[in-house]
Amino acid sequence: MFRSLAPLAVALAFLAGCATTAAPTNVADTASRTPQLSTLSKLIADAGLTETLRGAGPYTVFAPSDDAFKAVPAKTMAELAANKDLLKSVLTYHVVAGKIVSADVKNASTKTVQGANVALAKSGTFVTVEDAMVTQADVPASNGVVHVIDRVLMPPKK
């Protein structure tokens, strides 16, 4: 009797494993499901960028962690909260059109969705964008990729 149940048990275990594997979601939902990106996720919603980042893309998002936002002066955070256009500008400065996984990073500048360029660099397995270090690379999304970074980038003043 036990021999006949073994294949069934293996099949059920396999199916259970498949059912718990989550498919990648878009970059906006990936940010909202990543605990260390709760501040970014809230700011994306506040700026009205959620639907854009759920779009076809592809997008590469350099996503500041909650700790990165804690390091921003309170005055700057208050200014971002009060000025939706400035908030959008700062957030879109963290987004590049196209999908750039860490293995494909070249030491060069690339244009952000905000319009200004950011410097990308790679040395061994370390990737930086401007003066921020990628602390978690290649978080998959259905419409691109998310890289968690340790600083909030501020676009150049126009």
C-alpha atoms as a PDB file:
ATOM      1  CA  MET A   1       0.000   0.000   0.000  1.00  0.00           C
ATOM      2  CA  PHE A   2       2.785   2.473   0.866  1.00  0.00           C
ATOM      3  CA  ARG A   3       4.503   1.897  -2.467  1.00  0.00           C
ATOM      4  CA  SER A   4       1.440   3.006  -4.362  1.00  0.00           C
ATOM      5  CA  LEU A   5       1.185   6.213  -2.289  1.00  0.00           C
ATOM      6  CA  ALA A   6       4.801   7.288  -2.834  1.00  0.00           C
ATOM      7  CA  PRO A   7       4.303   8.586  -6.414  1.00  0.00           C
ATOM      8  CA  LEU A   8       1.170  10.434  -5.300  1.00  0.00           C
ATOM      9  CA  ALA A   9       3.047  12.064  -2.398  1.00  0.00           C
ATOM     10  CA  VAL A  10       5.847  13.172  -4.757  1.00  0.00           C
ATOM     11  CA  ALA A  11       3.339  14.604  -7.224  1.00  0.00           C
ATOM     12  CA  LEU A  12       1.497  16.505  -4.483  1.00  0.00           C
ATOM     13  CA  ALA A  13       4.744  17.910  -3.091  1.00  0.00           C
ATOM     14  CA  PHE A  14       5.747  19.064  -6.578  1.00  0.00           C
ATOM     15  CA  LEU A  15       2.384  20.725  -7.195  1.00  0.00           C
ATOM     16  CA  ALA A  16       2.452  22.427  -3.792  1.00  0.00           C
ATOM     17  CA  GLY A  17       5.900  23.820  -4.592  1.00  0.00           C
ATOM     18  CA  CYS A  18       4.637  25.175  -7.898  1.00  0.00           C
ATOM     19  CA  ALA A  19       1.627  26.818  -6.274  1.00  0.00           C
ATOM     20  CA  THR A  20       3.762  28.770  -3.805  1.00  0.00           C
ATOM     21  CA  THR A  21       6.202  30.123  -6.407  1.00  0.00           C
ATOM     22  CA  ALA A  22       5.083  33.672  -7.125  1.00  0.00           C
ATOM     23  CA  ALA A  23       5.359  34.987 -10.647  1.00  0.00           C
ATOM     24  CA  PRO A  24       7.215  38.281 -11.016  1.00  0.00           C
ATOM     25  CA  THR A  25       5.009  41.342 -10.702  1.00  0.00           C
ATOM     26  CA  ASN A  26       5.475  44.788 -12.230  1.00  0.00           C
ATOM     27  CA  VAL A  27       8.019  47.188 -10.722  1.00  0.00           C
ATOM     28  CA  ALA A  28       5.419  49.167  -8.732  1.00  0.00           C
ATOM     29  CA  ASP A  29       3.984  46.036  -7.122  1.00  0.00           C
ATOM     30  CA  THR A  30       7.460  44.570  -6.620  1.00  0.00           C
ATOM     31  CA  ALA A  31       8.372  47.681  -4.617  1.00  0.00           C
ATOM     32  CA  SER A  32       5.176  47.443  -2.579  1.00  0.00           C
ATOM     33  CA  ARG A  33       5.851  43.754  -1.786  1.00  0.00           C
ATOM     34  CA  THR A  34       9.461  44.354  -0.723  1.00  0.00           C
ATOM     35  CA  PRO A  35       9.521  45.215   3.006  1.00  0.00           C
ATOM     36  CA  GLN A  36      12.661  47.387   2.782  1.00  0.00           C
ATOM     37  CA  LEU A  37      11.005  49.549   0.079  1.00  0.00           C
ATOM     38  CA  SER A  38       7.874  50.620   1.979  1.00  0.00           C
ATOM     39  CA  THR A  39       8.835  54.321   1.981  1.00  0.00           C
ATOM     40  CA  LEU A  40       9.540  54.270  -1.762  1.00  0.00           C
ATOM     41  CA  SER A  41       6.265  52.481  -2.426  1.00  0.00           C
ATOM     42  CA  LYS A  42       4.319  55.108  -0.470  1.00  0.00           C
ATOM     43  CA  LEU A  43       6.101  57.943  -2.304  1.00  0.00           C
ATOM     44  CA  ILE A  44       5.420  56.319  -5.699  1.00  0.00           C
ATOM     45  CA  ALA A  45       1.710  56.340  -4.797  1.00  0.00           C
ATOM     46  CA  ASP A  46       1.885  59.916  -3.444  1.00  0.00           C
ATOM     47  CA  ALA A  47       3.492  61.086  -6.698  1.00  0.00           C
ATOM     48  CA  GLY A  48       0.851  59.366  -8.833  1.00  0.00           C
ATOM     49  CA  LEU A  49       3.432  57.103 -10.495  1.00  0.00           C
ATOM     50  CA  THR A  50       1.965  53.704  -9.560  1.00  0.00           C
ATOM     51  CA  GLU A  51       0.064  53.170 -12.815  1.00  0.00           C
ATOM     52  CA  THR A  52       3.027  54.362 -14.895  1.00  0.00           C
ATOM     53  CA  LEU A  53       5.314  51.840 -13.182  1.00  0.00           C
ATOM     54  CA  ARG A  54       2.716  49.124 -13.731  1.00  0.00           C
ATOM     55  CA  GLY A  55       2.877  49.882 -17.473  1.00  0.00           C
ATOM     56  CA  ALA A  56       4.562  47.911 -20.223  1.00  0.00           C
ATOM     57  CA  GLY A  57       8.051  49.261 -19.585  1.00  0.00           C
ATOM     58  CA  PRO A  58      10.589  47.854 -19.468  1.00  0.00           C
ATOM     59  CA  TYR A  59      11.983  49.868 -16.577  1.00  0.00           C
ATOM     60  CA  THR A  60      15.065  49.674 -14.426  1.00  0.00           C
ATOM     61  CA  VAL A  61      14.377  51.136 -10.993  1.00  0.00           C
ATOM     62  CA  PHE A  62      17.195  52.063  -8.634  1.00  0.00           C
ATOM     63  CA  ALA A  63      15.081  51.812  -5.499  1.00  0.00           C
ATOM     64  CA  PRO A  64      16.265  53.590  -2.339  1.00  0.00           C
ATOM     65  CA  SER A  65      15.736  51.473   0.762  1.00  0.00           C
ATOM     66  CA  ASP A  66      13.842  52.684   3.819  1.00  0.00           C
ATOM     67  CA  ASP A  67      17.220  53.274   5.502  1.00  0.00           C
ATOM     68  CA  ALA A  68      18.258  55.469   2.555  1.00  0.00           C
ATOM     69  CA  PHE A  69      15.159  57.640   3.056  1.00  0.00           C
ATOM     70  CA  LYS A  70      15.856  57.869   6.815  1.00  0.00           C
ATOM     71  CA  ALA A  71      19.207  59.491   5.950  1.00  0.00           C
ATOM     72  CA  VAL A  72      17.514  62.286   3.964  1.00  0.00           C
ATOM     73  CA  PRO A  73      17.167  65.487   6.019  1.00  0.00           C
ATOM     74  CA  ALA A  74      13.662  65.995   7.446  1.00  0.00           C
ATOM     75  CA  LYS A  75      13.454  69.395   5.729  1.00  0.00           C
ATOM     76  CA  THR A  76      14.042  67.751   2.330  1.00  0.00           C
ATOM     77  CA  MET A  77      11.448  65.050   3.005  1.00  0.00           C
ATOM     78  CA  ALA A  78       8.930  67.748   4.034  1.00  0.00           C
ATOM     79  CA  GLU A  79       9.693  69.634   0.818  1.00  0.00           C
ATOM     80  CA  LEU A  80       9.084  66.482  -1.234  1.00  0.00           C
ATOM     81  CA  ALA A  81       5.805  65.835   0.583  1.00  0.00           C
ATOM     82  CA  ALA A  82       4.639  69.399  -0.127  1.00  0.00           C
ATOM     83  CA  ASN A  83       5.724  69.559  -3.781  1.00  0.00           C
ATOM     84  CA  LYS A  84       4.362  66.743  -5.967  1.00  0.00           C
ATOM     85  CA  ASP A  85       6.300  67.915  -9.050  1.00  0.00           C
ATOM     86  CA  LEU A  86       9.578  67.852  -7.121  1.00  0.00           C
ATOM     87  CA  LEU A  87       8.708  64.409  -5.721  1.00  0.00           C
ATOM     88  CA  LYS A  88       8.002  63.108  -9.249  1.00  0.00           C
ATOM     89  CA  SER A  89      11.285  64.570 -10.451  1.00  0.00           C
ATOM     90  CA  VAL A  90      13.262  62.880  -7.668  1.00  0.00           C
ATOM     91  CA  LEU A  91      11.526  59.517  -8.128  1.00  0.00           C
ATOM     92  CA  THR A  92      11.815  59.456 -11.936  1.00  0.00           C
ATOM     93  CA  TYR A  93      15.533  60.261 -11.521  1.00  0.00           C
ATOM     94  CA  HIS A  94      15.767  56.722 -10.091  1.00  0.00           C
ATOM     95  CA  VAL A  95      14.154  55.138 -13.192  1.00  0.00           C
ATOM     96  CA  VAL A  96      15.789  54.253 -16.506  1.00  0.00           C
ATOM     97  CA  ALA A  97      13.786  53.210 -19.561  1.00  0.00           C
ATOM     98  CA  GLY A  98      14.842  49.695 -20.526  1.00  0.00           C
ATOM     99  CA  LYS A  99      15.928  46.694 -18.500  1.00  0.00           C
ATOM    100  CA  ILE A 100      19.493  46.787 -17.184  1.00  0.00           C
ATOM    101  CA  VAL A 101      20.463  43.755 -15.096  1.00  0.00           C
ATOM    102  CA  SER A 102      23.632  44.024 -13.016  1.00  0.00           C
ATOM    103  CA  ALA A 103      25.595  41.783 -15.398  1.00  0.00           C
ATOM    104  CA  ASP A 104      24.930  44.296 -18.204  1.00  0.00           C
ATOM    105  CA  VAL A 105      26.003  47.451 -16.319  1.00  0.00           C
ATOM    106  CA  LYS A 106      28.731  49.367 -18.154  1.00  0.00           C
ATOM    107  CA  ASN A 107      30.832  52.193 -16.725  1.00  0.00           C
ATOM    108  CA  ALA A 108      28.918  54.978 -18.445  1.00  0.00           C
ATOM    109  CA  SER A 109      26.155  57.513 -18.048  1.00  0.00           C
ATOM    110  CA  THR A 110      22.582  56.707 -18.930  1.00  0.00           C
ATOM    111  CA  LYS A 111      19.506  58.903 -19.281  1.00  0.00           C
ATOM    112  CA  THR A 112      16.811  58.664 -16.609  1.00  0.00           C
ATOM    113  CA  VAL A 113      13.077  59.014 -17.149  1.00  0.00           C
ATOM    114  CA  GLN A 114      13.427  62.392 -15.360  1.00  0.00           C
ATOM    115  CA  GLY A 115      15.680  63.545 -18.233  1.00  0.00           C
ATOM    116  CA  ALA A 116      19.061  63.920 -16.518  1.00  0.00           C
ATOM    117  CA  ASN A 117      21.879  61.390 -16.768  1.00  0.00           C
ATOM    118  CA  VAL A 118      23.155  59.147 -13.970  1.00  0.00           C
ATOM    119  CA  ALA A 119      26.578  57.538 -13.844  1.00  0.00           C
ATOM    120  CA  LEU A 120      26.508  53.749 -13.650  1.00  0.00           C
ATOM    121  CA  ALA A 121      29.624  51.829 -12.698  1.00  0.00           C
ATOM    122  CA  LYS A 122      30.589  48.239 -12.055  1.00  0.00           C
ATOM    123  CA  SER A 123      33.673  46.827 -10.384  1.00  0.00           C
ATOM    124  CA  GLY A 124      33.602  43.072  -9.953  1.00  0.00           C
ATOM    125  CA  THR A 125      30.224  42.322  -8.409  1.00  0.00           C
ATOM    126  CA  PHE A 126      29.763  45.864  -7.029  1.00  0.00           C
ATOM    127  CA  VAL A 127      27.393  48.166  -8.894  1.00  0.00           C
ATOM    128  CA  THR A 128      26.909  51.869  -8.211  1.00  0.00           C
ATOM    129  CA  VAL A 129      24.610  54.524  -9.547  1.00  0.00           C
ATOM    130  CA  GLU A 130      26.049  57.984  -8.867  1.00  0.00           C
ATOM    131  CA  ASP A 131      27.260  57.708  -5.237  1.00  0.00           C
ATOM    132  CA  ALA A 132      24.774  54.992  -4.249  1.00  0.00           C
ATOM    133  CA  MET A 133      25.712  51.340  -3.880  1.00  0.00           C
ATOM    134  CA  VAL A 134      23.392  48.605  -5.118  1.00  0.00           C
ATOM    135  CA  THR A 135      22.739  46.490  -2.023  1.00  0.00           C
ATOM    136  CA  GLN A 136      20.330  44.026  -3.663  1.00  0.00           C
ATOM    137  CA  ALA A 137      20.575  43.586  -7.418  1.00  0.00           C
ATOM    138  CA  ASP A 138      18.298  42.095 -10.018  1.00  0.00           C
ATOM    139  CA  VAL A 139      14.951  41.842  -8.216  1.00  0.00           C
ATOM    140  CA  PRO A 140      12.845  40.563 -11.127  1.00  0.00           C
ATOM    141  CA  ALA A 141       9.702  42.327 -12.284  1.00  0.00           C
ATOM    142  CA  SER A 142       7.381  41.477 -15.155  1.00  0.00           C
ATOM    143  CA  ASN A 143       8.124  44.851 -16.766  1.00  0.00           C
ATOM    144  CA  GLY A 144      11.779  45.310 -15.829  1.00  0.00           C
ATOM    145  CA  VAL A 145      14.105  44.989 -12.874  1.00  0.00           C
ATOM    146  CA  VAL A 146      14.574  46.615  -9.458  1.00  0.00           C
ATOM    147  CA  HIS A 147      17.936  47.262  -7.802  1.00  0.00           C
ATOM    148  CA  VAL A 148      17.816  48.299  -4.131  1.00  0.00           C
ATOM    149  CA  ILE A 149      20.276  51.126  -3.378  1.00  0.00           C
ATOM    150  CA  ASP A 150      21.599  52.634  -0.156  1.00  0.00           C
ATOM    151  CA  ARG A 151      21.023  56.352  -0.938  1.00  0.00           C
ATOM    152  CA  VAL A 152      18.381  58.649  -2.326  1.00  0.00           C
ATOM    153  CA  LEU A 153      19.611  60.330  -5.500  1.00  0.00           C
ATOM    154  CA  MET A 154      18.801  63.989  -6.059  1.00  0.00           C
ATOM    155  CA  PRO A 155      18.558  65.219  -9.642  1.00  0.00           C
ATOM    156  CA  PRO A 156      20.747  68.149 -10.657  1.00  0.00           C
ATOM    157  CA  LYS A 157      19.106  71.565 -10.305  1.00  0.00           C
ATOM    158  CA  LYS A 158      17.957  72.975 -13.618  1.00  0.00           C
END
